[in-house]
Amino acid sequence: EPNMPDNETLLVPMMMLSLFVLSAAVMGFFFVAEPLMLYLDGKREEAVKFFLTTVASFAFITAVIFAAVVYVI
């Protein structure tokens, strides 16, 4: 039938959504697991510092990659 998408058209969005969910789970673990353990151990300042350092590092890496892409294009 002309209105039915082929299998490849359906698989691409499913694969992209799966990749996004996996990425969000891994990054959530990296961003939250260690600071949460530190916080629960009573090391609040160290937990906050570790979390903010992780976020800042990720933001820096993202900005460098974004700048590289913009520069290349």
Protein backbone atom coordinates (compact mmCIF):
# COMPACT_ATOMS: atom_id res chain seq x y z
CA GLU A 1 0.00 0.00 0.00
CA PRO A 2 1.33 3.46 -0.79
CA ASN A 3 0.63 4.94 2.68
CA MET A 4 2.61 2.33 4.62
CA PRO A 5 6.24 3.27 5.42
CA ASP A 6 8.88 0.67 4.71
CA ASN A 7 10.76 -1.05 7.54
CA GLU A 8 13.85 1.14 7.17
CA THR A 9 11.80 4.31 7.64
CA LEU A 10 10.38 2.94 10.91
CA LEU A 11 13.69 1.64 12.23
CA VAL A 12 15.62 4.90 12.00
CA PRO A 13 13.42 6.87 14.47
CA MET A 14 13.29 3.86 16.78
CA MET A 15 17.08 3.54 16.72
CA MET A 16 17.56 7.28 17.34
CA LEU A 17 15.13 7.25 20.27
CA SER A 18 16.83 4.18 21.73
CA LEU A 19 20.23 5.85 21.40
CA PHE A 20 18.92 8.98 23.12
CA VAL A 21 17.41 7.00 26.01
CA LEU A 22 20.61 4.99 26.47
CA SER A 23 22.68 8.16 26.38
CA ALA A 24 20.42 9.85 28.93
CA ALA A 25 20.65 6.83 31.25
CA VAL A 26 24.45 6.65 31.05
CA MET A 27 24.90 10.40 31.50
CA GLY A 28 22.39 10.40 34.36
CA PHE A 29 24.41 7.70 36.07
CA PHE A 30 27.69 9.58 35.54
CA PHE A 31 26.24 12.89 36.73
CA VAL A 32 24.23 11.62 39.71
CA ALA A 33 25.66 8.35 41.10
CA GLU A 34 28.93 9.56 42.63
CA PRO A 35 27.61 12.91 43.95
CA LEU A 36 24.64 11.08 45.48
CA MET A 37 26.93 8.59 47.23
CA LEU A 38 29.06 11.44 48.55
CA TYR A 39 25.95 13.29 49.73
CA LEU A 40 24.59 10.23 51.50
CA ASP A 41 27.97 9.76 53.19
CA GLY A 42 27.57 13.24 54.68
CA LYS A 43 30.03 14.97 52.34
CA ARG A 44 27.63 17.60 51.04
CA GLU A 45 30.18 20.22 49.89
CA GLU A 46 32.29 17.60 48.13
CA ALA A 47 29.18 16.18 46.43
CA VAL A 48 28.10 19.60 45.15
CA LYS A 49 31.63 20.44 43.97
CA PHE A 50 31.96 17.09 42.17
CA PHE A 51 28.55 17.50 40.50
CA LEU A 52 29.27 21.06 39.35
CA THR A 53 32.74 20.08 38.11
CA THR A 54 31.23 17.22 36.10
CA VAL A 55 28.57 19.48 34.57
CA ALA A 56 31.14 22.20 33.79
CA SER A 57 33.48 19.66 32.16
CA PHE A 58 30.66 18.28 30.03
CA ALA A 59 29.56 21.80 29.06
CA PHE A 60 33.14 22.68 28.05
CA ILE A 61 33.54 19.54 25.94
CA THR A 62 30.15 20.19 24.31
CA ALA A 63 31.11 23.81 23.56
CA VAL A 64 34.42 22.73 22.00
CA ILE A 65 32.70 20.16 19.79
CA PHE A 66 29.99 22.68 18.83
CA ALA A 67 32.62 25.32 17.98
CA ALA A 68 34.55 22.77 15.90
CA VAL A 69 31.43 21.85 13.95
CA VAL A 70 30.51 25.49 13.37
CA TYR A 71 34.09 26.27 12.29
CA VAL A 72 34.19 23.35 9.85
CA ILE A 73 30.80 24.21 8.33
